[in-house]
Amino acid sequence: MWTFIYAGLLYLTGVAVVLVLKPSFMFTPDGVWKEFGIGKNEERYTPFTFWLFCLVWAFISYVLVIMIEPLFQRPEPEFPTVNSRRNRRNVRFEDDSELVFDDELSSQAEPSLPKGYYVLNRKASKIAGVPKYVYLGQEEP
């Protein structure tokens, strides 16, 4: 979003400068815009009219902002990860050996929740307007 705002500000600045300076290849001596024309009277016609300048300048200002913007951006914060060496001492589990998964619980201890899973009931969800789930398992939760 900021890219478009910066490009728009640069574009408006460029257009304002051209309108204030009124270069002779785009404007007549009395300040009127020259018409588009190639190989005609140079006092009244020009190959680079104001509307053509506006189109080209819009493209150039956007490309300039895209190229310059990364130089002014702040670096994104680095979040701690398990594998980063700086943050290794702050991580509670250094490897996966202490993790226990659901399929390993049957031999070790009785899980606190019954085994099973929830499935989205599309028909009931469509009728109610909110997601409705059905529990599929050995016993009701």
Protein backbone atom coordinates (compact mmCIF):
# COMPACT_ATOMS: atom_id res chain seq x y z
CA MET A 1 0.00 0.00 0.00
CA TRP A 2 2.79 2.41 0.88
CA THR A 3 4.39 1.73 -2.49
CA PHE A 4 1.38 3.21 -4.27
CA ILE A 5 1.26 6.19 -1.94
CA TYR A 6 4.94 7.00 -2.46
CA ALA A 7 4.64 6.47 -6.22
CA GLY A 8 1.56 8.73 -6.31
CA LEU A 9 3.35 11.48 -4.40
CA LEU A 10 6.35 11.24 -6.73
CA TYR A 11 4.04 11.29 -9.75
CA LEU A 12 2.15 14.37 -8.55
CA THR A 13 5.43 16.14 -7.77
CA GLY A 14 6.73 15.43 -11.28
CA VAL A 15 3.52 16.63 -12.93
CA ALA A 16 3.53 19.78 -10.80
CA VAL A 17 7.13 20.53 -11.78
CA VAL A 18 6.31 20.14 -15.48
CA LEU A 19 3.24 22.36 -15.18
CA VAL A 20 5.25 25.06 -13.39
CA LEU A 21 8.30 24.93 -15.69
CA LYS A 22 6.29 24.49 -18.94
CA PRO A 23 9.11 23.13 -21.11
CA SER A 24 9.15 24.42 -24.69
CA PHE A 25 8.97 20.95 -26.26
CA MET A 26 5.56 20.37 -24.59
CA PHE A 27 4.05 23.88 -24.41
CA THR A 28 3.76 26.83 -26.79
CA PRO A 29 5.36 30.17 -25.80
CA ASP A 30 1.99 31.42 -24.52
CA GLY A 31 1.64 28.38 -22.18
CA VAL A 32 -0.85 26.24 -24.17
CA TRP A 33 -0.22 22.51 -24.52
CA LYS A 34 1.12 21.43 -27.89
CA GLU A 35 -0.83 18.82 -29.83
CA PHE A 36 0.52 15.39 -30.70
CA GLY A 37 2.09 15.18 -34.14
CA ILE A 38 5.24 13.93 -35.81
CA GLY A 39 6.80 15.73 -38.78
CA LYS A 40 4.46 18.72 -38.56
CA ASN A 41 4.95 22.31 -37.48
CA GLU A 42 7.17 22.18 -34.36
CA GLU A 43 5.65 25.36 -32.93
CA ARG A 44 2.24 23.72 -32.56
CA TYR A 45 2.94 19.94 -32.57
CA THR A 46 5.21 17.71 -30.52
CA PRO A 47 5.91 13.95 -30.35
CA PHE A 48 5.97 14.11 -26.53
CA THR A 49 2.74 15.71 -25.35
CA PHE A 50 1.62 16.30 -21.78
CA TRP A 51 -0.70 13.27 -21.70
CA LEU A 52 2.12 11.06 -23.01
CA PHE A 53 4.42 12.50 -20.33
CA CYS A 54 1.81 11.66 -17.67
CA LEU A 55 1.62 8.02 -18.79
CA VAL A 56 5.38 7.58 -19.03
CA TRP A 57 6.02 9.42 -15.75
CA ALA A 58 3.46 7.26 -13.92
CA PHE A 59 5.31 4.12 -14.99
CA ILE A 60 8.75 5.58 -14.20
CA SER A 61 7.72 6.86 -10.77
CA TYR A 62 6.27 3.47 -9.81
CA VAL A 63 9.41 1.64 -10.94
CA LEU A 64 11.64 4.13 -9.10
CA VAL A 65 9.71 3.63 -5.86
CA ILE A 66 9.87 -0.16 -6.20
CA MET A 67 13.63 0.01 -6.73
CA ILE A 68 14.33 2.51 -3.91
CA GLU A 69 11.83 1.28 -1.31
CA PRO A 70 13.86 -1.74 -0.07
CA LEU A 71 16.69 0.60 0.89
CA PHE A 72 14.48 2.38 3.43
CA GLN A 73 12.60 -0.58 4.91
CA ARG A 74 13.37 -1.70 8.43
CA PRO A 75 14.49 -5.32 8.72
CA GLU A 76 11.82 -7.69 9.95
CA PRO A 77 12.34 -8.99 13.49
CA GLU A 78 13.87 -12.42 13.79
CA PHE A 79 11.70 -14.80 15.76
CA PRO A 80 13.38 -17.54 17.78
CA THR A 81 13.41 -20.94 16.17
CA VAL A 82 14.45 -24.33 17.50
CA ASN A 83 17.45 -24.56 15.18
CA SER A 84 18.90 -21.08 15.71
CA ARG A 85 22.16 -21.25 17.68
CA ARG A 86 21.58 -17.98 19.55
CA ASN A 87 18.23 -19.11 20.94
CA ARG A 88 19.05 -22.76 21.61
CA ARG A 89 19.34 -22.26 25.37
CA ASN A 90 15.89 -20.60 25.50
CA VAL A 91 14.12 -23.50 23.79
CA ARG A 92 12.44 -25.96 26.15
CA PHE A 93 12.70 -29.08 23.92
CA GLU A 94 15.93 -29.36 21.95
CA ASP A 95 14.88 -32.54 20.14
CA ASP A 96 11.73 -34.51 19.46
CA SER A 97 12.54 -37.41 21.85
CA GLU A 98 10.32 -35.99 24.65
CA LEU A 99 7.27 -35.49 22.43
CA VAL A 100 4.46 -38.06 22.67
CA PHE A 101 1.93 -38.51 19.88
CA ASP A 102 -1.64 -39.86 20.08
CA ASP A 103 -0.84 -43.20 18.48
CA GLU A 104 1.89 -43.84 21.08
CA LEU A 105 -0.46 -43.28 24.05
CA SER A 106 -2.29 -46.63 23.88
CA SER A 107 0.60 -48.59 25.39
CA GLN A 108 1.81 -45.91 27.83
CA ALA A 109 -1.19 -44.34 29.55
CA GLU A 110 -4.90 -43.76 29.08
CA PRO A 111 -5.44 -40.46 27.26
CA SER A 112 -7.63 -37.85 28.90
CA LEU A 113 -9.73 -37.43 25.73
CA PRO A 114 -11.42 -40.32 23.93
CA LYS A 115 -9.93 -41.27 20.57
CA GLY A 116 -11.80 -39.93 17.59
CA TYR A 117 -12.09 -36.87 15.44
CA TYR A 118 -14.54 -34.24 14.28
CA VAL A 119 -15.89 -34.03 10.73
CA LEU A 120 -17.63 -31.02 9.22
CA ASN A 121 -21.34 -31.65 8.63
CA ARG A 122 -21.87 -29.64 5.45
CA LYS A 123 -25.66 -30.00 5.32
CA ALA A 124 -26.15 -28.84 8.92
CA SER A 125 -23.59 -26.07 8.44
CA LYS A 126 -25.44 -24.77 5.39
CA ILE A 127 -28.77 -24.78 7.22
CA ALA A 128 -27.42 -23.18 10.43
CA GLY A 129 -25.12 -20.72 8.70
CA VAL A 130 -22.24 -21.62 11.02
CA PRO A 131 -19.91 -24.63 10.92
CA LYS A 132 -21.38 -27.73 12.60
CA TYR A 133 -19.20 -30.73 13.37
CA VAL A 134 -19.97 -34.40 14.06
CA TYR A 135 -17.77 -36.41 16.41
CA LEU A 136 -16.66 -39.77 15.07
CA GLY A 137 -15.19 -42.02 17.74
CA GLN A 138 -15.81 -44.87 20.16
CA GLU A 139 -17.68 -42.85 22.78
CA GLU A 140 -19.30 -39.43 22.92
CA PRO A 141 -17.08 -36.62 24.21
